[in-house]
């Protein structure tokens, strides 16, 4: 889920098309899965809240991306671990570009 703020108003956004912000590799029947958090549109990375090895909980903000003069908070879908951070604050990114890779433990 994306968290978009427009004039201070919080608007949760779910991306459901093929150019969505995430890509997951999930094994059938449990185990762990990896998720690529990708830029939903071209923008500028404002702040990265995590580092490789950090533990995240569901809903934790991973990074803030400014696009079209709006702040987009990209969040974790589940508890897991940050495998890699591919950007730093100030980076300009393309839509679909991988920003962070997370690993989740399935129950």
Protein backbone atom coordinates (compact mmCIF):
# COMPACT_ATOMS: atom_id res chain seq x y z
CA UNK A 1 0.00 0.00 0.00
CA UNK A 2 1.18 3.52 -0.77
CA UNK A 3 0.49 6.34 1.63
CA UNK A 4 -0.07 9.58 -0.27
CA UNK A 5 -0.41 12.97 1.39
CA UNK A 6 -2.12 15.81 -0.50
CA UNK A 7 -2.41 19.14 1.34
CA UNK A 8 -1.89 17.27 4.61
CA UNK A 9 -4.67 14.75 3.92
CA UNK A 10 -3.69 11.06 4.13
CA UNK A 11 -4.89 8.99 1.17
CA UNK A 12 -4.07 5.24 1.20
CA UNK A 13 -3.52 3.90 -2.34
CA UNK A 14 -3.40 0.27 -3.48
CA UNK A 15 -1.66 -0.40 -6.82
CA UNK A 16 -3.16 -3.38 -8.65
CA UNK A 17 -1.96 -3.17 -12.25
CA UNK A 18 1.00 -4.86 -13.91
CA UNK A 19 3.24 -1.83 -13.36
CA UNK A 20 2.62 -1.98 -9.61
CA UNK A 21 5.21 -1.00 -7.04
CA UNK A 22 6.03 -4.52 -5.90
CA UNK A 23 7.25 -7.79 -7.24
CA UNK A 24 7.33 -10.87 -5.05
CA UNK A 25 8.92 -14.26 -5.39
CA UNK A 26 6.84 -16.51 -3.14
CA UNK A 27 7.50 -20.21 -2.80
CA UNK A 28 4.40 -22.41 -2.74
CA UNK A 29 3.52 -23.84 0.65
CA UNK A 30 5.21 -21.36 2.98
CA UNK A 31 8.86 -20.67 3.68
CA UNK A 32 10.24 -17.23 2.98
CA UNK A 33 9.53 -14.81 0.17
CA UNK A 34 11.34 -11.82 -1.27
CA UNK A 35 9.70 -8.60 -2.27
CA UNK A 36 11.06 -5.82 -4.42
CA UNK A 37 9.70 -2.43 -3.49
CA UNK A 38 9.73 -0.40 -6.69
CA UNK A 39 8.98 3.23 -7.52
CA UNK A 40 5.34 3.56 -8.56
CA UNK A 41 6.29 6.51 -10.82
CA UNK A 42 9.35 8.66 -11.54
CA UNK A 43 10.38 10.76 -8.57
CA UNK A 44 13.00 11.76 -6.04
CA UNK A 45 13.91 9.74 -2.97
CA UNK A 46 13.38 12.11 -0.03
CA UNK A 47 14.28 9.82 2.87
CA UNK A 48 15.31 6.19 3.32
CA UNK A 49 14.20 4.86 6.71
CA UNK A 50 15.96 1.45 6.65
CA UNK A 51 19.34 -0.17 6.08
CA UNK A 52 20.27 -3.68 4.96
CA UNK A 53 19.77 -6.08 7.86
CA UNK A 54 17.07 -4.01 9.58
CA UNK A 55 13.97 -5.78 10.85
CA UNK A 56 10.65 -4.22 9.73
CA UNK A 57 7.08 -4.73 10.86
CA UNK A 58 3.95 -4.63 8.73
CA UNK A 59 3.12 -1.01 7.92
CA UNK A 60 6.59 0.38 8.71
CA UNK A 61 7.63 3.15 6.33
CA UNK A 62 10.54 1.95 4.19
CA UNK A 63 11.16 5.19 2.30
CA UNK A 64 9.56 8.41 1.18
CA UNK A 65 9.42 9.22 -2.52
CA UNK A 66 8.39 12.62 -3.87
CA UNK A 67 6.54 12.37 -7.15
CA UNK A 68 4.32 14.95 -8.81
CA UNK A 69 4.81 17.24 -5.76
CA UNK A 70 3.35 14.59 -3.42
CA UNK A 71 5.07 12.55 -0.72
CA UNK A 72 4.55 8.82 -1.19
CA UNK A 73 5.34 6.64 1.83
CA UNK A 74 6.26 3.14 0.70
CA UNK A 75 5.59 0.61 3.46
CA UNK A 76 6.27 -3.01 4.36
CA UNK A 77 3.39 -5.42 3.69
CA UNK A 78 4.52 -7.81 6.43
CA UNK A 79 7.18 -8.31 9.08
CA UNK A 80 10.56 -9.18 7.59
CA UNK A 81 14.16 -8.19 7.03
CA UNK A 82 15.71 -5.66 4.65
CA UNK A 83 17.97 -7.55 2.22
CA UNK A 84 19.21 -4.58 0.18
CA UNK A 85 18.69 -0.85 -0.23
CA UNK A 86 19.35 0.25 -3.81
CA UNK A 87 18.93 4.05 -3.41
CA UNK A 88 19.91 6.94 -1.15
CA UNK A 89 18.16 10.20 -0.31
CA UNK A 90 18.38 12.59 -3.24
CA UNK A 91 18.39 9.90 -5.95
CA UNK A 92 16.12 10.49 -8.95
CA UNK A 93 14.37 7.23 -9.87
CA UNK A 94 12.31 5.92 -12.77
CA UNK A 95 8.89 4.32 -12.42
CA UNK A 96 9.34 0.59 -11.84
CA UNK A 97 12.91 0.96 -10.55
CA UNK A 98 13.78 -1.36 -7.65
CA UNK A 99 14.35 0.66 -4.48
CA UNK A 100 14.51 -1.90 -1.65
CA UNK A 101 14.45 -5.70 -1.40
CA UNK A 102 12.79 -7.32 1.62
CA UNK A 103 12.54 -10.93 2.82
CA UNK A 104 9.40 -12.10 4.62
CA UNK A 105 8.92 -15.23 6.68
CA UNK A 106 5.72 -17.08 5.78
CA UNK A 107 3.68 -18.72 8.49
